[in-house]
Amino acid sequence: MHNKETWRLDKEIDLAILGLVKRRSEDTYDKDLLQLILGSAKNYGDNGNLPADITPNKFIVDNCKNIYFASHETTAISASWCLMLLASHPEWQARARAEVLEIYGLRFSTADTLRSLKTARYFCFARIYVRFEI
């Protein structure tokens, strides 16, 4: 990717985040992570605690990017670890596959129906336990 393309994409992401922030600041929302970031940016900006080269908007955008990329990496690593463990334990892989086919067939899952996957849920919790035991 060329520098101009990287710069353009970075600017596009910044504008998308700032657009979301603008919409969110116009309405009232319950306290969530974005609201906390907005409050911190306002407090730090009002008190002059931000470094001179960081504007409140840059503070907001940088924090949103960090959270997004960190969660992406965490999810990717967790999914990779689960796949590696399933590959290492074909009997669990077969059980999980049979359960998914029994519950969903060829349909797509939803967040609500994912709760019905007992073997997969058990395996994910076991994966967390195994990961921290290593």
Protein backbone atom coordinates (compact mmCIF):
# COMPACT_ATOMS: atom_id res chain seq x y z
CA MET A 1 0.00 0.00 0.00
CA HIS A 2 1.32 3.44 -0.85
CA ASN A 3 1.72 6.29 1.62
CA LYS A 4 -1.07 8.33 0.00
CA GLU A 5 -3.48 5.41 0.31
CA THR A 6 -2.49 4.84 3.94
CA TRP A 7 -2.98 8.54 4.71
CA ARG A 8 -6.37 8.55 2.96
CA LEU A 9 -7.57 5.48 4.86
CA ASP A 10 -6.33 6.90 8.17
CA LYS A 11 -8.21 10.14 7.50
CA GLU A 12 -11.35 8.21 6.51
CA ILE A 13 -11.25 6.21 9.76
CA ASP A 14 -10.69 9.38 11.80
CA LEU A 15 -13.68 11.07 10.13
CA ALA A 16 -15.89 8.01 10.70
CA ILE A 17 -15.00 7.96 14.40
CA LEU A 18 -15.51 11.71 14.77
CA GLY A 19 -18.86 11.42 12.95
CA LEU A 20 -19.97 8.80 15.46
CA VAL A 21 -18.74 10.98 18.31
CA LYS A 22 -20.70 13.95 16.96
CA ARG A 23 -23.90 11.89 16.73
CA ARG A 24 -23.34 10.47 20.20
CA SER A 25 -22.66 13.88 21.76
CA GLU A 26 -25.94 15.25 20.37
CA ASP A 27 -28.02 12.59 22.15
CA THR A 28 -28.12 11.32 25.69
CA TYR A 29 -26.77 7.82 26.20
CA ASP A 30 -26.15 5.63 29.19
CA LYS A 31 -22.57 5.52 30.38
CA ASP A 32 -20.68 3.25 28.04
CA LEU A 33 -17.06 3.11 26.97
CA LEU A 34 -17.41 5.83 24.32
CA GLN A 35 -19.16 8.14 26.79
CA LEU A 36 -16.28 7.61 29.25
CA ILE A 37 -13.72 8.45 26.56
CA LEU A 38 -15.67 11.57 25.61
CA GLY A 39 -15.84 12.63 29.26
CA SER A 40 -12.12 12.04 29.75
CA ALA A 41 -11.26 14.03 26.64
CA LYS A 42 -13.40 16.92 27.85
CA ASN A 43 -11.96 16.81 31.39
CA TYR A 44 -8.36 16.55 30.21
CA GLY A 45 -8.90 19.24 27.59
CA ASP A 46 -10.61 21.62 30.02
CA ASN A 47 -7.91 21.16 32.66
CA GLY A 48 -5.06 21.51 30.17
CA ASN A 49 -3.79 18.03 31.01
CA LEU A 50 -3.44 16.91 27.39
CA PRO A 51 -0.01 17.38 25.78
CA ALA A 52 0.15 20.42 23.52
CA ASP A 53 0.28 18.31 20.35
CA ILE A 54 -2.85 16.25 21.24
CA THR A 55 -6.26 17.76 20.71
CA PRO A 56 -9.35 16.33 22.41
CA ASN A 57 -10.43 14.92 19.02
CA LYS A 58 -7.08 13.19 18.57
CA PHE A 59 -7.35 11.80 22.12
CA ILE A 60 -10.80 10.38 21.30
CA VAL A 61 -9.80 8.93 17.92
CA ASP A 62 -6.58 7.38 19.24
CA ASN A 63 -8.38 5.74 22.18
CA CYS A 64 -11.14 4.38 19.91
CA LYS A 65 -8.55 2.94 17.52
CA ASN A 66 -6.58 1.35 20.36
CA ILE A 67 -9.67 -0.30 21.80
CA TYR A 68 -10.84 -1.53 18.40
CA PHE A 69 -7.49 -3.00 17.40
CA ALA A 70 -6.89 -4.53 20.83
CA SER A 71 -10.28 -6.23 20.79
CA HIS A 72 -9.69 -7.41 17.23
CA GLU A 73 -6.37 -8.99 18.18
CA THR A 74 -7.81 -10.56 21.34
CA THR A 75 -10.67 -12.10 19.38
CA ALA A 76 -8.35 -13.32 16.63
CA ILE A 77 -5.96 -14.91 19.12
CA SER A 78 -8.82 -16.57 21.02
CA ALA A 79 -10.32 -17.94 17.82
CA SER A 80 -6.93 -19.24 16.67
CA TRP A 81 -6.34 -20.89 20.03
CA CYS A 82 -9.77 -22.57 19.92
CA LEU A 83 -9.11 -23.84 16.40
CA MET A 84 -5.71 -25.17 17.41
CA LEU A 85 -7.21 -26.99 20.40
CA LEU A 86 -10.04 -28.41 18.29
CA ALA A 87 -7.49 -29.65 15.76
CA SER A 88 -5.53 -31.24 18.60
CA HIS A 89 -8.63 -33.00 19.94
CA PRO A 90 -10.59 -34.52 17.04
CA GLU A 91 -13.11 -36.10 19.42
CA TRP A 92 -14.12 -32.64 20.69
CA GLN A 93 -14.12 -31.31 17.15
CA ALA A 94 -16.54 -34.06 16.10
CA ARG A 95 -18.80 -33.37 19.10
CA ALA A 96 -18.86 -29.62 18.44
CA ARG A 97 -19.51 -30.15 14.70
CA ALA A 98 -22.37 -32.58 15.41
CA GLU A 99 -23.93 -30.15 17.88
CA VAL A 100 -23.76 -27.23 15.44
CA LEU A 101 -25.28 -29.31 12.63
CA GLU A 102 -28.00 -30.62 14.94
CA ILE A 103 -29.01 -27.16 16.14
CA TYR A 104 -28.47 -25.08 13.00
CA GLY A 105 -28.29 -27.42 10.05
CA LEU A 106 -27.35 -25.11 7.20
CA ARG A 107 -28.92 -21.97 8.77
CA PHE A 108 -26.93 -19.08 10.22
CA SER A 109 -26.67 -18.64 13.96
CA THR A 110 -27.80 -15.64 15.96
CA ALA A 111 -26.55 -14.29 19.28
CA ASP A 112 -29.59 -15.78 21.00
CA THR A 113 -29.16 -19.25 19.54
CA LEU A 114 -25.43 -19.41 20.34
CA ARG A 115 -26.38 -19.98 23.98
CA SER A 116 -27.81 -23.36 23.05
CA LEU A 117 -24.39 -24.71 22.01
CA LYS A 118 -23.42 -26.55 25.20
CA THR A 119 -20.37 -28.39 23.86
CA ALA A 120 -18.97 -25.30 22.14
CA ARG A 121 -19.52 -23.16 25.26
CA TYR A 122 -17.88 -25.80 27.44
CA PHE A 123 -14.95 -26.02 25.04
CA CYS A 124 -14.50 -22.22 25.00
CA PHE A 125 -14.47 -22.06 28.80
CA ALA A 126 -12.06 -24.98 28.90
CA ARG A 127 -9.90 -23.14 26.38
CA ILE A 128 -9.74 -20.13 28.68
CA TYR A 129 -8.78 -22.34 31.61
CA VAL A 130 -6.13 -24.21 29.61
CA ARG A 131 -4.70 -21.00 28.22
CA PHE A 132 -4.14 -19.52 31.65
CA GLU A 133 -2.78 -22.75 33.07
CA ILE A 134 0.02 -22.96 30.49
